Amino acid sequence: MASERRLLLGVLLILALVVPVGAWALDRARQGAEGADQTSGATLGAEATATVQTYPPNRRLPSLPLTTLDGRRLDLAAYRGRPLLVNFWATWCAPCVREFPLLRRTLDQRRPDGLAIVGVLVNDQAEKARTFVRAHGGSWPVATDQGGRAASALQIFGLPETVFVRPDGTMSSRVLGELTQARLDAELARIIAR
């Protein structure tokens, strides 16, 4: 009787773990099958791959309640008229740390094009982020995601993730995973008019 209960408990535990993962995998496979919207490219010099997802035309960046690391309210609508990158990151995320210098260089190079970057700190301490940004020369605003509302609104599920927004406020694409120079240039070409 006790061994039957342990067996039943073991089976239920396995099901509790396998079913959600299986559902997630099936959903991802379904999205890929529907998918002219998704392309995948390997990140150079990194262990993982980055996935690019494009948004349907005219999908606007939602209004997100953000507060910067220094306590000011940040309204993403204020960036309308400029190409925008919204980068979800954390100081404990190794790929986020690796891509930080790339973002800094890109902002310096593309500032004449009106490019703006906003960092959104996810599941991290504001003080650690302030120290990191100062030490690594970040010159763009970084906001905290109170209660995960911004990540939820944009369906962010991993770090780093970067959302590319056109000057008209519509979302072009997002990169799930670490940015490379080639991937960043390709996505910027979609949002910066030349």
N, C-alpha and C. Protein backbone atom coordinates (compact mmCIF):
# COMPACT_ATOMS: atom_id res chain seq x y z
N MET A 1 0.82 -1.19 0.00
CA MET A 1 0.00 0.00 0.00
C MET A 1 0.87 1.27 0.00
N ALA A 2 1.89 1.31 0.86
CA ALA A 2 2.77 2.47 0.92
C ALA A 2 3.57 2.61 -0.37
N SER A 3 4.01 1.49 -0.94
CA SER A 3 4.77 1.56 -2.19
C SER A 3 3.88 2.02 -3.34
N GLU A 4 2.60 1.64 -3.33
CA GLU A 4 1.68 2.10 -4.36
C GLU A 4 1.46 3.60 -4.26
N ARG A 5 1.39 4.11 -3.05
CA ARG A 5 1.23 5.57 -2.86
C ARG A 5 2.46 6.31 -3.35
N ARG A 6 3.65 5.78 -3.02
CA ARG A 6 4.89 6.42 -3.49
C ARG A 6 4.96 6.41 -5.01
N LEU A 7 4.57 5.28 -5.62
CA LEU A 7 4.56 5.18 -7.08
C LEU A 7 3.58 6.19 -7.68
N LEU A 8 2.40 6.26 -7.12
CA LEU A 8 1.40 7.21 -7.60
C LEU A 8 1.89 8.65 -7.43
N LEU A 9 2.47 8.94 -6.29
CA LEU A 9 3.02 10.27 -6.03
C LEU A 9 4.13 10.59 -7.02
N GLY A 10 4.98 9.62 -7.30
CA GLY A 10 6.06 9.82 -8.27
C GLY A 10 5.52 10.10 -9.66
N VAL A 11 4.51 9.34 -10.08
CA VAL A 11 3.91 9.56 -11.40
C VAL A 11 3.27 10.94 -11.47
N LEU A 12 2.56 11.33 -10.44
CA LEU A 12 1.93 12.66 -10.42
C LEU A 12 2.98 13.78 -10.46
N LEU A 13 4.07 13.58 -9.76
CA LEU A 13 5.15 14.57 -9.76
C LEU A 13 5.76 14.70 -11.15
N ILE A 14 5.99 13.58 -11.80
CA ILE A 14 6.55 13.61 -13.15
C ILE A 14 5.58 14.32 -14.10
N LEU A 15 4.31 13.99 -14.00
CA LEU A 15 3.31 14.65 -14.85
C LEU A 15 3.27 16.16 -14.59
N ALA A 16 3.38 16.55 -13.33
CA ALA A 16 3.35 17.97 -12.98
C ALA A 16 4.52 18.72 -13.61
N LEU A 17 5.62 18.03 -13.82
CA LEU A 17 6.78 18.66 -14.44
C LEU A 17 6.74 18.58 -15.96
N VAL A 18 6.31 17.45 -16.50
CA VAL A 18 6.37 17.22 -17.93
C VAL A 18 5.27 17.97 -18.69
N VAL A 19 4.06 17.99 -18.17
CA VAL A 19 2.94 18.59 -18.90
C VAL A 19 3.18 20.07 -19.20
N PRO A 20 3.58 20.91 -18.22
CA PRO A 20 3.81 22.33 -18.57
C PRO A 20 4.93 22.52 -19.59
N VAL A 21 6.01 21.75 -19.45
CA VAL A 21 7.12 21.88 -20.40
C VAL A 21 6.67 21.43 -21.78
N GLY A 22 5.91 20.34 -21.83
CA GLY A 22 5.39 19.85 -23.10
C GLY A 22 4.46 20.85 -23.76
N ALA A 23 3.61 21.47 -22.97
CA ALA A 23 2.69 22.48 -23.51
C ALA A 23 3.46 23.66 -24.06
N TRP A 24 4.49 24.09 -23.35
CA TRP A 24 5.33 25.18 -23.82
C TRP A 24 6.00 24.80 -25.13
N ALA A 25 6.56 23.58 -25.21
CA ALA A 25 7.25 23.13 -26.42
C ALA A 25 6.28 23.04 -27.61
N LEU A 26 5.08 22.53 -27.37
CA LEU A 26 4.09 22.46 -28.44
C LEU A 26 3.70 23.84 -28.93
N ASP A 27 3.53 24.78 -28.00
CA ASP A 27 3.18 26.14 -28.38
C ASP A 27 4.29 26.77 -29.22
N ARG A 28 5.53 26.57 -28.80
CA ARG A 28 6.67 27.10 -29.57
C ARG A 28 6.72 26.48 -30.96
N ALA A 29 6.47 25.16 -31.04
CA ALA A 29 6.49 24.47 -32.33
C ALA A 29 5.36 25.00 -33.22
N ARG A 30 4.18 25.23 -32.63
CA ARG A 30 3.05 25.76 -33.38
C ARG A 30 3.38 27.15 -33.92
N GLN A 31 3.99 27.98 -33.07
CA GLN A 31 4.36 29.32 -33.51
C GLN A 31 5.37 29.25 -34.65
N GLY A 32 6.31 28.32 -34.54
CA GLY A 32 7.31 28.15 -35.60
C GLY A 32 6.67 27.68 -36.88
N ALA A 33 5.67 26.81 -36.80
CA ALA A 33 5.01 26.30 -37.99
C ALA A 33 4.18 27.38 -38.67
N GLU A 34 3.61 28.26 -37.87
CA GLU A 34 2.83 29.36 -38.44
C GLU A 34 3.73 30.37 -39.08
N GLY A 35 4.99 30.19 -38.77
CA GLY A 35 5.92 31.10 -38.85
C GLY A 35 6.73 31.81 -39.74
N ALA A 36 6.19 32.39 -40.69
CA ALA A 36 6.99 33.32 -41.45
C ALA A 36 7.43 34.46 -40.57
N ASP A 37 6.84 34.57 -39.40
CA ASP A 37 7.20 35.66 -38.49
C ASP A 37 8.47 35.42 -37.72
N GLN A 38 9.00 34.20 -37.74
CA GLN A 38 10.16 33.92 -36.91
C GLN A 38 11.32 33.46 -37.77
N THR A 39 12.49 33.98 -37.44
CA THR A 39 13.72 33.47 -38.02
C THR A 39 14.69 33.30 -36.88
N SER A 40 15.64 32.46 -37.05
CA SER A 40 16.59 32.20 -35.98
C SER A 40 17.99 32.37 -36.53
N GLY A 41 18.87 32.95 -35.72
CA GLY A 41 20.25 33.09 -36.14
C GLY A 41 21.16 32.84 -34.96
N ALA A 42 22.28 32.22 -35.20
CA ALA A 42 23.21 31.91 -34.12
C ALA A 42 23.95 33.17 -33.71
N THR A 43 24.19 33.33 -32.44
CA THR A 43 24.97 34.45 -31.96
C THR A 43 26.44 34.08 -32.06
N LEU A 44 27.20 34.93 -32.68
CA LEU A 44 28.61 34.66 -32.84
C LEU A 44 29.32 34.82 -31.51
N GLY A 45 30.14 33.85 -31.17
CA GLY A 45 30.90 33.93 -29.94
C GLY A 45 30.09 33.67 -28.69
N ALA A 46 28.90 33.13 -28.81
CA ALA A 46 28.07 32.85 -27.65
C ALA A 46 27.58 31.42 -27.72
N GLU A 47 27.22 30.88 -26.57
CA GLU A 47 26.77 29.49 -26.50
C GLU A 47 25.36 29.34 -27.02
N ALA A 48 24.56 30.36 -26.95
CA ALA A 48 23.14 30.26 -27.26
C ALA A 48 22.84 30.83 -28.63
N THR A 49 21.61 30.68 -29.06
CA THR A 49 21.18 31.30 -30.29
C THR A 49 20.16 32.38 -29.95
N ALA A 50 20.10 33.36 -30.83
CA ALA A 50 19.12 34.42 -30.66
C ALA A 50 17.99 34.16 -31.65
N THR A 51 16.80 34.45 -31.25
CA THR A 51 15.63 34.28 -32.10
C THR A 51 15.04 35.65 -32.36
N VAL A 52 14.67 35.89 -33.61
CA VAL A 52 14.04 37.15 -33.98
C VAL A 52 12.57 36.88 -34.24
N GLN A 53 11.74 37.68 -33.62
CA GLN A 53 10.30 37.63 -33.87
C GLN A 53 9.87 38.98 -34.40
N THR A 54 9.16 38.97 -35.51
CA THR A 54 8.64 40.22 -36.04
C THR A 54 7.20 40.40 -35.57
N TYR A 55 6.81 41.65 -35.44
CA TYR A 55 5.45 41.97 -35.01
C TYR A 55 4.57 42.22 -36.23
N PRO A 56 3.28 41.99 -36.09
CA PRO A 56 2.35 42.34 -37.18
C PRO A 56 2.41 43.85 -37.42
N PRO A 57 2.12 44.28 -38.64
CA PRO A 57 2.15 45.72 -38.93
C PRO A 57 1.20 46.49 -37.98
N ASN A 58 1.60 47.67 -37.66
CA ASN A 58 0.79 48.61 -36.87
C ASN A 58 0.58 48.20 -35.42
N ARG A 59 1.35 47.27 -34.90
CA ARG A 59 1.23 46.92 -33.47
C ARG A 59 2.01 47.95 -32.66
N ARG A 60 1.29 48.72 -31.90
CA ARG A 60 1.89 49.81 -31.12
C ARG A 60 2.56 49.31 -29.85
N LEU A 61 3.61 50.01 -29.48
CA LEU A 61 4.26 49.76 -28.19
C LEU A 61 3.26 50.15 -27.11
N PRO A 62 2.94 49.23 -26.19
CA PRO A 62 1.95 49.59 -25.17
C PRO A 62 2.50 50.62 -24.19
N SER A 63 1.60 51.29 -23.54
CA SER A 63 1.97 52.22 -22.48
C SER A 63 2.47 51.39 -21.30
N LEU A 64 3.67 51.67 -20.86
CA LEU A 64 4.28 50.88 -19.79
C LEU A 64 4.62 51.78 -18.61
N PRO A 65 4.17 51.44 -17.40
CA PRO A 65 4.47 52.25 -16.21
C PRO A 65 5.89 51.96 -15.72
N LEU A 66 6.83 52.84 -16.06
CA LEU A 66 8.22 52.63 -15.69
C LEU A 66 8.73 53.75 -14.81
N THR A 67 9.66 53.40 -13.94
CA THR A 67 10.34 54.37 -13.09
C THR A 67 11.83 54.14 -13.23
N THR A 68 12.58 55.20 -13.47
CA THR A 68 14.03 55.07 -13.67
C THR A 68 14.73 54.75 -12.35
N LEU A 69 15.99 54.36 -12.48
CA LEU A 69 16.78 54.02 -11.30
C LEU A 69 16.92 55.18 -10.34
N ASP A 70 16.80 56.42 -10.85
CA ASP A 70 16.88 57.58 -9.96
C ASP A 70 15.49 58.09 -9.55
N GLY A 71 14.45 57.27 -9.77
CA GLY A 71 13.13 57.58 -9.23
C GLY A 71 12.21 58.41 -10.11
N ARG A 72 12.64 58.74 -11.32
CA ARG A 72 11.78 59.54 -12.20
C ARG A 72 10.86 58.64 -13.02
N ARG A 73 9.69 59.16 -13.34
CA ARG A 73 8.75 58.41 -14.19
C ARG A 73 9.28 58.45 -15.62
N LEU A 74 9.16 57.32 -16.30
CA LEU A 74 9.63 57.21 -17.68
C LEU A 74 8.46 56.82 -18.56
N ASP A 75 8.18 57.66 -19.55
CA ASP A 75 7.09 57.40 -20.48
C ASP A 75 7.68 57.10 -21.85
N LEU A 76 7.52 55.85 -22.31
CA LEU A 76 8.08 55.46 -23.60
C LEU A 76 7.45 56.22 -24.76
N ALA A 77 6.26 56.74 -24.56
CA ALA A 77 5.61 57.53 -25.61
C ALA A 77 6.41 58.80 -25.92
N ALA A 78 7.21 59.25 -24.97
CA ALA A 78 8.03 60.44 -25.18
C ALA A 78 9.09 60.22 -26.26
N TYR A 79 9.34 58.97 -26.61
CA TYR A 79 10.34 58.66 -27.63
C TYR A 79 9.73 58.57 -29.02
N ARG A 80 8.43 58.77 -29.14
CA ARG A 80 7.79 58.73 -30.45
C ARG A 80 8.46 59.76 -31.34
N GLY A 81 8.72 59.39 -32.57
CA GLY A 81 9.46 60.25 -33.49
C GLY A 81 10.91 59.83 -33.63
N ARG A 82 11.32 58.89 -32.77
CA ARG A 82 12.70 58.40 -32.80
C ARG A 82 12.69 56.87 -32.84
N PRO A 83 13.68 56.26 -33.51
CA PRO A 83 13.82 54.81 -33.41
C PRO A 83 14.26 54.47 -31.99
N LEU A 84 13.70 53.38 -31.44
CA LEU A 84 13.90 53.05 -30.04
C LEU A 84 14.22 51.58 -29.86
N LEU A 85 15.17 51.28 -28.98
CA LEU A 85 15.44 49.92 -28.52
C LEU A 85 15.04 49.86 -27.07
N VAL A 86 14.22 48.89 -26.70
CA VAL A 86 13.87 48.66 -25.31
C VAL A 86 14.53 47.34 -24.93
N ASN A 87 15.57 47.42 -24.10
CA ASN A 87 16.40 46.27 -23.77
C ASN A 87 16.10 45.78 -22.35
N PHE A 88 15.57 44.56 -22.24
CA PHE A 88 15.29 43.93 -20.95
C PHE A 88 16.54 43.17 -20.52
N TRP A 89 17.02 43.47 -19.31
CA TRP A 89 18.31 42.92 -18.88
C TRP A 89 18.40 42.84 -17.37
N ALA A 90 19.52 42.28 -16.88
CA ALA A 90 19.84 42.24 -15.44
C ALA A 90 21.35 42.13 -15.30
N THR A 91 21.86 42.59 -14.17
CA THR A 91 23.31 42.53 -13.95
C THR A 91 23.80 41.10 -13.74
N TRP A 92 22.93 40.19 -13.31
CA TRP A 92 23.31 38.80 -13.07
C TRP A 92 23.25 37.95 -14.34
N CYS A 93 22.80 38.54 -15.43
CA CYS A 93 22.63 37.84 -16.72
C CYS A 93 23.90 38.01 -17.56
N ALA A 94 24.67 36.94 -17.73
CA ALA A 94 25.95 37.01 -18.45
C ALA A 94 25.79 37.54 -19.89
N PRO A 95 24.82 37.05 -20.68
CA PRO A 95 24.67 37.62 -22.03
C PRO A 95 24.31 39.10 -22.02
N CYS A 96 23.56 39.53 -21.01
CA CYS A 96 23.20 40.95 -20.88
C CYS A 96 24.47 41.78 -20.66
N VAL A 97 25.33 41.29 -19.80
CA VAL A 97 26.59 41.98 -19.51
C VAL A 97 27.46 42.03 -20.76
N ARG A 98 27.51 40.92 -21.51
CA ARG A 98 28.33 40.88 -22.73
C ARG A 98 27.82 41.84 -23.79
N GLU A 99 26.50 42.02 -23.91
CA GLU A 99 25.99 42.88 -24.98
C GLU A 99 25.98 44.36 -24.60
N PHE A 100 26.21 44.69 -23.34
CA PHE A 100 26.16 46.08 -22.88
C PHE A 100 27.11 46.98 -23.67
N PRO A 101 28.40 46.59 -23.86
CA PRO A 101 29.30 47.46 -24.65
C PRO A 101 28.83 47.65 -26.09
N LEU A 102 28.21 46.64 -26.67
CA LEU A 102 27.67 46.74 -28.03
C LEU A 102 26.56 47.79 -28.07
N LEU A 103 25.69 47.78 -27.09
CA LEU A 103 24.63 48.79 -27.03
C LEU A 103 25.23 50.19 -26.87
N ARG A 104 26.24 50.31 -26.01
CA ARG A 104 26.87 51.62 -25.78
C ARG A 104 27.50 52.15 -27.07
N ARG A 105 28.26 51.30 -27.77
CA ARG A 105 28.89 51.73 -29.03
C ARG A 105 27.84 52.09 -30.08
N THR A 106 26.81 51.28 -30.17
CA THR A 106 25.76 51.51 -31.16
C THR A 106 25.05 52.83 -30.91
N LEU A 107 24.74 53.12 -29.66
CA LEU A 107 24.09 54.39 -29.35
C LEU A 107 24.99 55.55 -29.72
N ASP A 108 26.28 55.46 -29.42
CA ASP A 108 27.22 56.52 -29.78
C ASP A 108 27.27 56.72 -31.30
N GLN A 109 27.29 55.62 -32.06
CA GLN A 109 27.38 55.70 -33.51
C GLN A 109 26.09 56.16 -34.16
N ARG A 110 24.96 55.76 -33.61
CA ARG A 110 23.66 56.02 -34.24
C ARG A 110 22.90 57.18 -33.62
N ARG A 111 23.51 57.89 -32.71
CA ARG A 111 22.84 59.05 -32.11
C ARG A 111 22.42 60.07 -33.17
N PRO A 112 23.25 60.31 -34.21
CA PRO A 112 22.81 61.25 -35.27
C PRO A 112 21.55 60.79 -35.99
N ASP A 113 21.26 59.49 -35.97
CA ASP A 113 20.04 58.96 -36.58
C ASP A 113 18.83 59.09 -35.65
N GLY A 114 19.05 59.64 -34.45
CA GLY A 114 17.97 59.80 -33.49
C GLY A 114 17.74 58.59 -32.61
N LEU A 115 18.58 57.57 -32.71
CA LEU A 115 18.38 56.34 -31.94
C LEU A 115 18.34 56.63 -30.44
N ALA A 116 17.41 55.97 -29.77
CA ALA A 116 17.31 56.04 -28.31
C ALA A 116 17.28 54.60 -27.79
N ILE A 117 17.83 54.40 -26.61
CA ILE A 117 17.79 53.11 -25.94
C ILE A 117 17.22 53.33 -24.55
N VAL A 118 16.35 52.43 -24.14
CA VAL A 118 15.86 52.41 -22.76
C VAL A 118 16.11 51.01 -22.23
N GLY A 119 16.79 50.92 -21.10
CA GLY A 119 17.00 49.64 -20.45
C GLY A 119 15.88 49.39 -19.45
N VAL A 120 15.44 48.14 -19.36
CA VAL A 120 14.43 47.77 -18.37
C VAL A 120 15.03 46.66 -17.52
N LEU A 121 15.26 46.96 -16.27
CA LEU A 121 15.88 46.04 -15.32
C LEU A 121 14.84 45.04 -14.84
N VAL A 122 15.17 43.76 -14.93
CA VAL A 122 14.24 42.70 -14.58
C VAL A 122 14.83 41.85 -13.44
N ASN A 123 14.06 41.69 -12.37
CA ASN A 123 14.46 40.83 -11.25
C ASN A 123 15.89 41.08 -10.77
N ASP A 124 16.19 42.32 -10.52
CA ASP A 124 17.52 42.71 -10.06
C ASP A 124 17.40 43.88 -9.10
N GLN A 125 18.48 44.18 -8.42
CA GLN A 125 18.49 45.28 -7.46
C GLN A 125 18.92 46.57 -8.13
N ALA A 126 18.18 47.62 -7.87
CA ALA A 126 18.45 48.92 -8.49
C ALA A 126 19.86 49.41 -8.18
N GLU A 127 20.32 49.21 -6.95
CA GLU A 127 21.66 49.69 -6.58
C GLU A 127 22.75 48.98 -7.38
N LYS A 128 22.60 47.67 -7.57
CA LYS A 128 23.56 46.93 -8.41
C LYS A 128 23.56 47.47 -9.83
N ALA A 129 22.38 47.74 -10.35
CA ALA A 129 22.27 48.25 -11.71
C ALA A 129 22.90 49.63 -11.84
N ARG A 130 22.64 50.51 -10.85
CA ARG A 130 23.24 51.85 -10.88
C ARG A 130 24.76 51.75 -10.93
N THR A 131 25.32 50.90 -10.07
CA THR A 131 26.77 50.72 -10.03
C THR A 131 27.29 50.17 -11.36
N PHE A 132 26.60 49.19 -11.91
CA PHE A 132 27.00 48.58 -13.18
C PHE A 132 26.96 49.60 -14.31
N VAL A 133 25.87 50.35 -14.42
CA VAL A 133 25.72 51.32 -15.51
C VAL A 133 26.81 52.38 -15.43
N ARG A 134 27.10 52.88 -14.21
CA ARG A 134 28.16 53.88 -14.05
C ARG A 134 29.51 53.29 -14.45
N ALA A 135 29.82 52.09 -13.99
CA ALA A 135 31.11 51.45 -14.25
C ALA A 135 31.31 51.14 -15.73
N HIS A 136 30.23 50.89 -16.46
CA HIS A 136 30.33 50.48 -17.86
C HIS A 136 29.92 51.58 -18.85
N GLY A 137 29.73 52.78 -18.36
CA GLY A 137 29.49 53.93 -19.24
C GLY A 137 28.16 53.95 -19.94
N GLY A 138 27.14 53.40 -19.32
CA GLY A 138 25.80 53.45 -19.91
C GLY A 138 25.26 54.87 -19.86
N SER A 139 24.77 55.36 -20.99
CA SER A 139 24.29 56.74 -21.03
C SER A 139 22.80 56.83 -21.35
N TRP A 140 22.10 55.71 -21.31
CA TRP A 140 20.67 55.71 -21.59
C TRP A 140 19.91 55.47 -20.30
N PRO A 141 18.65 55.86 -20.25
CA PRO A 141 17.88 55.64 -19.04
C PRO A 141 17.63 54.15 -18.79
N VAL A 142 17.67 53.78 -17.53
CA VAL A 142 17.36 52.41 -17.12
C VAL A 142 16.21 52.51 -16.13
N ALA A 143 15.19 51.72 -16.39
CA ALA A 143 14.00 51.72 -15.54
C ALA A 143 13.87 50.36 -14.87
N THR A 144 13.19 50.34 -13.76
CA THR A 144 12.88 49.08 -13.10
C THR A 144 11.48 48.66 -13.54
N ASP A 145 11.29 47.36 -13.59
CA ASP A 145 9.99 46.83 -14.02
C ASP A 145 9.23 46.39 -12.77
N GLN A 146 8.52 47.32 -12.16
CA GLN A 146 7.78 47.06 -10.94
C GLN A 146 6.73 45.99 -11.16
N GLY A 147 6.87 44.89 -10.48
CA GLY A 147 5.90 43.81 -10.56
C GLY A 147 5.90 43.06 -11.88
N GLY A 148 6.90 43.29 -12.72
CA GLY A 148 6.98 42.59 -13.99
C GLY A 148 5.93 42.99 -15.01
N ARG A 149 5.33 44.17 -14.82
CA ARG A 149 4.25 44.59 -15.72
C ARG A 149 4.73 44.82 -17.15
N ALA A 150 5.90 45.44 -17.31
CA ALA A 150 6.40 45.71 -18.66
C ALA A 150 6.76 44.40 -19.36
N ALA A 151 7.45 43.52 -18.65
CA ALA A 151 7.82 42.22 -19.23
C ALA A 151 6.57 41.44 -19.62
N SER A 152 5.56 41.50 -18.79
CA SER A 152 4.31 40.80 -19.08
C SER A 152 3.61 41.41 -20.29
N ALA A 153 3.55 42.73 -20.36
CA ALA A 153 2.86 43.40 -21.47
C ALA A 153 3.51 43.08 -22.81
N LEU A 154 4.83 42.91 -22.81
CA LEU A 154 5.55 42.62 -24.06
C LEU A 154 5.86 41.14 -24.21
N GLN A 155 5.35 40.32 -23.29
CA GLN A 155 5.55 38.87 -23.30
C GLN A 155 7.03 38.50 -23.32
N ILE A 156 7.79 39.17 -22.47
CA ILE A 156 9.22 38.89 -22.32
C ILE A 156 9.34 37.66 -21.44
N PHE A 157 10.09 36.67 -21.89
CA PHE A 157 10.21 35.47 -21.07
C PHE A 157 11.64 35.05 -20.83
N GLY A 158 12.61 35.81 -21.28
CA GLY A 158 14.01 35.48 -21.02
C GLY A 158 14.85 36.73 -21.09
N LEU A 159 16.07 36.61 -20.68
CA LEU A 159 17.00 37.74 -20.73
C LEU A 159 18.26 37.33 -21.48
N PRO A 160 18.81 38.25 -22.22
CA PRO A 160 18.27 39.55 -22.59
C PRO A 160 17.23 39.42 -23.70
N GLU A 161 16.36 40.39 -23.78
CA GLU A 161 15.44 40.54 -24.89
C GLU A 161 15.40 42.01 -25.25
N THR A 162 15.38 42.28 -26.55
CA THR A 162 15.38 43.66 -27.03
C THR A 162 14.25 43.85 -28.02
N VAL A 163 13.44 44.86 -27.77
CA VAL A 163 12.32 45.21 -28.65
C VAL A 163 12.74 46.42 -29.47
N PHE A 164 12.55 46.33 -30.79
CA PHE A 164 12.90 47.39 -31.72
C PHE A 164 11.62 48.12 -32.14
N VAL A 165 11.60 49.44 -31.93
CA VAL A 165 10.39 50.24 -32.14
C VAL A 165 10.67 51.29 -33.21
N ARG A 166 9.77 51.38 -34.17
CA ARG A 166 9.89 52.38 -35.24
C ARG A 166 9.57 53.78 -34.69
N PRO A 167 10.00 54.81 -35.40
CA PRO A 167 9.70 56.17 -34.94
C PRO A 167 8.21 56.47 -34.78
N ASP A 168 7.35 55.75 -35.51
CA ASP A 168 5.91 56.00 -35.38
C ASP A 168 5.30 55.31 -34.17
N GLY A 169 6.14 54.63 -33.36
CA GLY A 169 5.65 53.98 -32.13
C GLY A 169 5.19 52.56 -32.33
N THR A 170 5.30 52.03 -33.55
CA THR A 170 4.94 50.63 -33.78
C THR A 170 6.17 49.75 -33.58
N MET A 171 5.92 48.55 -33.09
CA MET A 171 7.00 47.61 -32.82
C MET A 171 7.36 46.87 -34.10
N SER A 172 8.64 46.81 -34.39
CA SER A 172 9.12 46.14 -35.59
C SER A 172 9.43 44.67 -35.29
N SER A 173 10.28 44.45 -34.28
CA SER A 173 10.72 43.09 -33.97
C SER A 173 11.28 43.05 -32.56
N ARG A 174 11.57 41.82 -32.15
CA ARG A 174 12.30 41.66 -30.90
C ARG A 174 13.29 40.53 -31.08
N VAL A 175 14.41 40.67 -30.39
CA VAL A 175 15.44 39.64 -30.41
C VAL A 175 15.46 39.01 -29.03
N LEU A 176 15.24 37.71 -29.00
CA LEU A 176 15.27 36.93 -27.77
C LEU A 176 16.66 36.32 -27.68
N GLY A 177 17.47 36.81 -26.78
CA GLY A 177 18.84 36.32 -26.64
C GLY A 177 19.82 37.45 -26.87
N GLU A 178 21.08 37.10 -26.78
CA GLU A 178 22.16 38.08 -26.87
C GLU A 178 22.28 38.64 -28.28
N LEU A 179 22.38 39.96 -28.35
CA LEU A 179 22.56 40.63 -29.63
C LEU A 179 23.99 40.46 -30.14
N THR A 180 24.14 40.32 -31.43
CA THR A 180 25.44 40.39 -32.09
C THR A 180 25.43 41.65 -32.94
N GLN A 181 26.59 42.07 -33.40
CA GLN A 181 26.65 43.25 -34.25
C GLN A 181 25.82 43.06 -35.52
N ALA A 182 25.93 41.89 -36.14
CA ALA A 182 25.19 41.63 -37.38
C ALA A 182 23.68 41.67 -37.13
N ARG A 183 23.22 41.03 -36.07
CA ARG A 183 21.79 41.00 -35.78
C ARG A 183 21.29 42.40 -35.44
N LEU A 184 22.06 43.12 -34.64
CA LEU A 184 21.68 44.48 -34.26
C LEU A 184 21.58 45.38 -35.49
N ASP A 185 22.57 45.29 -36.39
CA ASP A 185 22.54 46.11 -37.61
C ASP A 185 21.32 45.77 -38.46
N ALA A 186 21.01 44.48 -38.57
CA ALA A 186 19.86 44.07 -39.39
C ALA A 186 18.55 44.62 -38.83
N GLU A 187 18.39 44.56 -37.51
CA GLU A 187 17.14 45.05 -36.90
C GLU A 187 17.09 46.58 -36.92
N LEU A 188 18.23 47.24 -36.77
CA LEU A 188 18.25 48.71 -36.84
C LEU A 188 17.87 49.19 -38.24
N ALA A 189 18.26 48.44 -39.27
CA ALA A 189 17.92 48.82 -40.63
C ALA A 189 16.41 48.86 -40.84
N ARG A 190 15.67 48.10 -40.05
CA ARG A 190 14.20 48.09 -40.16
C ARG A 190 13.55 49.32 -39.53
N ILE A 191 14.26 49.95 -38.56
CA ILE A 191 13.62 51.05 -37.83
C ILE A 191 14.27 52.41 -38.07
N ILE A 192 15.44 52.43 -38.70
CA ILE A 192 16.12 53.71 -38.96
C ILE A 192 16.06 53.98 -40.46
N ALA A 193 15.44 55.09 -40.83
CA ALA A 193 15.33 55.45 -42.24
C ALA A 193 16.66 56.01 -42.70
N ARG A 194 17.08 55.57 -43.85
CA ARG A 194 18.34 56.08 -44.42
C ARG A 194 18.05 56.82 -45.69
